Amino acid sequence: MAQSPRYLQIKQYLNDKIQSRTWPPGFKIPTEIELSVQFSVSRMTANKAIRDLVGEGLLERTPRLGTFVCHKKAESPLMEIRNIAIEIRNRGHEYSNKIITQAKVDAKDDIALRIGVRHGTVIYFTQIVHYENDVPVQLEERWVNPDFAPEYIAQDFTQQTPNEYLVQTCPLSDIEHTVEAIIPPKRISTLLKMNDRSPCLLLNRRTWSKKNLVSIALLYHPGDKYKLSSRTKV
């Protein structure tokens, strides 16, 4: 059987190192010259293998510094609601969270309008940071109408996420999404351990169960660690 082209052999070698995490994100890979010597090929052949992996998002070039293994972004489907804990574990990574706030609050004008209650109505509020391998990938701020999920505030969200609890308690019937890129306020960037002035993706979500508006959520994601995807059949 004929051997695969030499550049594909180099590409497979590089890919194996990346996928096995022998070369973790941020690792500087061998130079084109070093690879050409190692595999007894021209520098152009080594360059093609690297270019392919750059195009696939596994490597990134930094002028005058070298080529590095990419920090692959976590990804969530935009048009679905999934449990972030399961998403992270399905990627083979460790999930954890930190509960910042879990309280009853009076609905202010903007929140009252969006969740469909009168100003000053007592509703539930949770603020939770979700981590992937101890790296914060989402800050979830959620307001819940207690009429439809009266036991929400008493839950232990270190054991199950708000999403998991609400899906079980109030089966979803409708979802509303908007997404925007923003420069987050200091309190958000601090919780997500982001550099000041770095952009984040903000997913603004409202969910209904049997025509009842159950919750609204603001989901903040560091722009350099997360992406949202959508697939539609036509």
Protein backbone atom coordinates (compact mmCIF):
# COMPACT_ATOMS: atom_id res chain seq x y z
CA MET A 1 0.00 0.00 0.00
CA ALA A 2 1.35 3.40 -0.95
CA GLN A 3 2.31 5.70 1.89
CA SER A 4 0.36 8.90 2.40
CA PRO A 5 2.01 12.14 1.25
CA ARG A 6 4.75 13.35 3.55
CA TYR A 7 2.92 16.51 4.55
CA LEU A 8 -0.04 14.39 5.71
CA GLN A 9 2.31 12.30 7.85
CA ILE A 10 3.61 15.48 9.46
CA LYS A 11 0.10 16.79 9.88
CA GLN A 12 -0.97 13.53 11.57
CA TYR A 13 2.06 13.69 13.86
CA LEU A 14 1.22 17.25 14.90
CA ASN A 15 -2.48 16.45 15.31
CA ASP A 16 -1.72 13.42 17.51
CA LYS A 17 0.43 15.56 19.80
CA ILE A 18 -2.36 18.15 20.09
CA GLN A 19 -5.26 15.73 20.61
CA SER A 20 -3.37 13.71 23.23
CA ARG A 21 -2.54 17.00 24.98
CA THR A 22 1.14 16.06 24.88
CA TRP A 23 1.23 19.57 23.48
CA PRO A 24 -1.33 21.51 25.54
CA PRO A 25 -2.97 24.82 24.51
CA GLY A 26 -0.33 27.54 24.32
CA PHE A 27 2.50 25.09 23.55
CA LYS A 28 5.00 26.31 20.97
CA ILE A 29 5.43 23.61 18.32
CA PRO A 30 8.69 22.83 16.46
CA THR A 31 9.61 25.24 13.68
CA GLU A 32 9.24 24.42 9.99
CA ILE A 33 13.02 23.97 9.79
CA GLU A 34 13.03 21.57 12.74
CA LEU A 35 10.16 19.55 11.25
CA SER A 36 11.79 19.45 7.82
CA VAL A 37 14.95 18.00 9.40
CA GLN A 38 13.00 15.55 11.59
CA PHE A 39 11.00 14.18 8.64
CA SER A 40 13.66 14.67 5.94
CA VAL A 41 11.40 16.86 3.82
CA SER A 42 11.53 20.35 2.38
CA ARG A 43 10.52 23.33 4.48
CA MET A 44 7.61 23.89 2.05
CA THR A 45 6.23 20.43 2.90
CA ALA A 46 6.39 21.13 6.63
CA ASN A 47 4.79 24.51 6.01
CA LYS A 48 1.80 22.90 4.24
CA ALA A 49 1.12 20.59 7.20
CA ILE A 50 1.18 23.53 9.59
CA ARG A 51 -0.99 25.69 7.32
CA ASP A 52 -3.64 22.96 7.21
CA LEU A 53 -3.84 22.82 10.99
CA VAL A 54 -3.92 26.61 11.24
CA GLY A 55 -6.87 26.56 8.84
CA GLU A 56 -8.61 23.96 11.02
CA GLY A 57 -8.21 26.12 14.10
CA LEU A 58 -5.78 23.83 15.92
CA LEU A 59 -2.69 26.02 15.53
CA GLU A 60 -2.14 29.76 15.41
CA ARG A 61 0.86 31.69 14.14
CA THR A 62 2.27 34.65 16.04
CA PRO A 63 4.63 36.80 13.95
CA ARG A 64 8.25 36.65 15.14
CA LEU A 65 7.32 34.31 18.01
CA GLY A 66 6.32 31.05 16.37
CA THR A 67 3.36 28.69 16.01
CA PHE A 68 1.30 27.68 19.03
CA VAL A 69 -1.42 25.19 19.91
CA CYS A 70 -4.74 27.04 20.01
CA HIS A 71 -6.87 27.46 23.08
CA LYS A 72 -9.94 25.77 21.60
CA LYS A 73 -13.17 27.60 22.34
CA ALA A 74 -16.01 25.90 24.11
CA GLU A 75 -19.11 25.76 21.95
CA SER A 76 -22.84 25.75 22.67
CA PRO A 77 -25.77 25.45 20.26
CA LEU A 78 -27.60 28.75 19.99
CA MET A 79 -31.05 27.39 19.16
CA GLU A 80 -31.15 24.78 21.93
CA ILE A 81 -31.00 24.87 25.72
CA ARG A 82 -28.49 22.41 27.10
CA ASN A 83 -27.16 21.77 30.57
CA ILE A 84 -23.72 23.40 30.62
CA ALA A 85 -22.46 20.81 33.11
CA ILE A 86 -23.25 17.99 30.67
CA GLU A 87 -21.74 19.93 27.74
CA ILE A 88 -18.46 20.33 29.58
CA ARG A 89 -18.33 16.72 30.76
CA ASN A 90 -19.14 15.49 27.25
CA ARG A 91 -15.99 17.28 26.10
CA GLY A 92 -14.09 15.16 28.60
CA HIS A 93 -13.48 18.10 30.91
CA GLU A 94 -14.22 18.82 34.56
CA TYR A 95 -17.25 20.95 35.46
CA SER A 96 -17.62 23.04 38.61
CA ASN A 97 -19.42 26.21 39.64
CA LYS A 98 -19.45 28.97 42.20
CA ILE A 99 -22.69 30.44 43.51
CA ILE A 100 -22.32 34.19 43.90
CA THR A 101 -25.93 35.08 44.76
CA GLN A 102 -29.06 33.05 45.52
CA ALA A 103 -31.80 35.27 46.92
CA LYS A 104 -35.30 36.68 46.80
CA VAL A 105 -35.29 40.18 45.30
CA ASP A 106 -37.78 42.90 44.40
CA ALA A 107 -38.24 43.12 40.64
CA LYS A 108 -36.92 46.43 39.31
CA ASP A 109 -38.61 48.16 36.38
CA ASP A 110 -36.58 46.59 33.55
CA ILE A 111 -36.64 43.08 35.02
CA ALA A 112 -40.33 43.33 35.98
CA LEU A 113 -41.20 44.31 32.41
CA ARG A 114 -39.17 41.52 30.86
CA ILE A 115 -40.42 38.76 33.16
CA GLY A 116 -44.00 39.97 33.12
CA VAL A 117 -44.64 40.98 36.75
CA ARG A 118 -45.37 44.26 38.51
CA HIS A 119 -42.57 46.50 39.79
CA GLY A 120 -41.57 45.42 43.30
CA THR A 121 -42.90 41.86 42.98
CA VAL A 122 -40.72 39.40 44.88
CA ILE A 123 -38.92 37.09 42.44
CA TYR A 124 -35.92 34.76 42.64
CA PHE A 125 -32.41 35.68 41.52
CA THR A 126 -29.30 33.53 41.12
CA GLN A 127 -25.84 34.47 39.93
CA ILE A 128 -23.50 31.56 39.20
CA VAL A 129 -20.09 31.23 37.56
CA HIS A 130 -19.62 28.00 35.57
CA TYR A 131 -16.09 26.59 35.18
CA GLU A 132 -14.46 24.23 32.69
CA ASN A 133 -11.25 22.74 34.11
CA ASP A 134 -11.29 25.56 36.71
CA VAL A 135 -11.48 28.21 33.97
CA PRO A 136 -14.63 30.40 34.04
CA VAL A 137 -16.56 30.02 30.77
CA GLN A 138 -19.97 31.42 31.70
CA LEU A 139 -21.53 33.82 34.18
CA GLU A 140 -25.24 33.10 34.53
CA GLU A 141 -27.58 35.73 35.97
CA ARG A 142 -31.13 34.39 36.18
CA TRP A 143 -34.45 35.77 37.41
CA VAL A 144 -37.29 33.29 38.03
CA ASN A 145 -41.00 33.84 38.57
CA PRO A 146 -41.81 32.00 41.84
CA ASP A 147 -45.41 31.42 40.72
CA PHE A 148 -44.17 28.77 38.30
CA ALA A 149 -41.08 27.42 40.12
CA PRO A 150 -41.80 28.01 43.82
CA GLU A 151 -39.00 25.74 45.10
CA TYR A 152 -36.31 27.18 42.83
CA ILE A 153 -34.66 29.29 45.51
CA ALA A 154 -34.28 26.32 47.89
CA GLN A 155 -32.25 24.19 45.47
CA ASP A 156 -28.61 23.20 45.91
CA PHE A 157 -27.15 24.41 42.63
CA THR A 158 -23.78 22.88 43.38
CA GLN A 159 -25.49 19.54 42.69
CA GLN A 160 -27.59 20.51 39.68
CA THR A 161 -27.61 23.58 37.46
CA PRO A 162 -30.58 25.97 37.32
CA ASN A 163 -31.15 24.82 33.75
CA GLU A 164 -31.38 21.18 34.82
CA TYR A 165 -33.84 21.99 37.62
CA LEU A 166 -36.08 24.22 35.51
CA VAL A 167 -36.24 21.80 32.56
CA GLN A 168 -37.39 19.06 34.93
CA THR A 169 -39.83 21.26 36.83
CA CYS A 170 -41.17 23.46 34.03
CA PRO A 171 -40.87 21.67 30.67
CA LEU A 172 -39.93 24.18 27.99
CA SER A 173 -42.46 25.25 25.39
CA ASP A 174 -40.87 28.43 23.96
CA ILE A 175 -37.46 30.09 23.91
CA GLU A 176 -36.38 33.62 22.97
CA HIS A 177 -32.71 34.39 22.28
CA THR A 178 -30.71 37.47 21.44
CA VAL A 179 -26.92 37.58 21.23
CA GLU A 180 -24.57 40.55 21.26
CA ALA A 181 -20.87 41.23 21.69
CA ILE A 182 -20.18 43.67 24.52
CA ILE A 183 -17.39 45.07 26.62
CA PRO A 184 -18.59 43.85 30.02
CA PRO A 185 -18.72 46.02 33.14
CA LYS A 186 -15.97 45.52 35.70
CA ARG A 187 -18.04 43.27 37.96
CA ILE A 188 -18.60 40.84 35.08
CA SER A 189 -15.01 40.81 33.79
CA THR A 190 -13.74 40.25 37.33
CA LEU A 191 -15.95 37.19 37.88
CA LEU A 192 -14.94 35.78 34.49
CA LYS A 193 -11.25 36.62 35.07
CA MET A 194 -11.15 38.64 31.86
CA ASN A 195 -8.80 41.46 30.98
CA ASP A 196 -10.34 44.90 31.06
CA ARG A 197 -11.78 45.94 27.68
CA SER A 198 -11.84 42.35 26.40
CA PRO A 199 -15.13 41.52 24.63
CA CYS A 200 -17.60 38.91 25.76
CA LEU A 201 -20.64 37.25 24.20
CA LEU A 202 -23.89 38.02 25.98
CA LEU A 203 -26.78 35.62 25.41
CA ASN A 204 -30.08 37.13 26.53
CA ARG A 205 -32.66 34.37 27.02
CA ARG A 206 -36.30 34.09 28.03
CA THR A 207 -38.04 30.74 28.53
CA TRP A 208 -41.69 29.75 28.71
CA SER A 209 -43.46 26.63 29.97
CA LYS A 210 -47.07 26.08 28.83
CA LYS A 211 -47.29 29.75 27.82
CA ASN A 212 -46.02 30.88 31.25
CA LEU A 213 -42.92 33.10 31.19
CA VAL A 214 -40.81 31.27 33.77
CA SER A 215 -37.38 32.86 33.67
CA ILE A 216 -35.04 35.34 32.03
CA ALA A 217 -31.31 34.87 31.98
CA LEU A 218 -28.22 36.82 30.98
CA LEU A 219 -25.39 34.45 30.05
CA TYR A 220 -21.96 36.07 29.72
CA HIS A 221 -19.13 34.19 27.97
CA PRO A 222 -15.48 35.30 27.51
CA GLY A 223 -15.17 36.00 23.80
CA ASP A 224 -11.78 34.30 23.52
CA LYS A 225 -12.96 31.05 25.16
CA TYR A 226 -16.49 30.51 23.88
CA LYS A 227 -18.55 30.46 20.72
CA LEU A 228 -22.22 29.93 19.95
CA SER A 229 -23.35 27.93 16.93
CA SER A 230 -26.59 27.42 15.02
CA ARG A 231 -27.68 24.85 12.46
CA THR A 232 -30.92 25.06 10.50
CA LYS A 233 -32.36 22.65 7.96
CA VAL A 234 -33.67 24.26 4.76
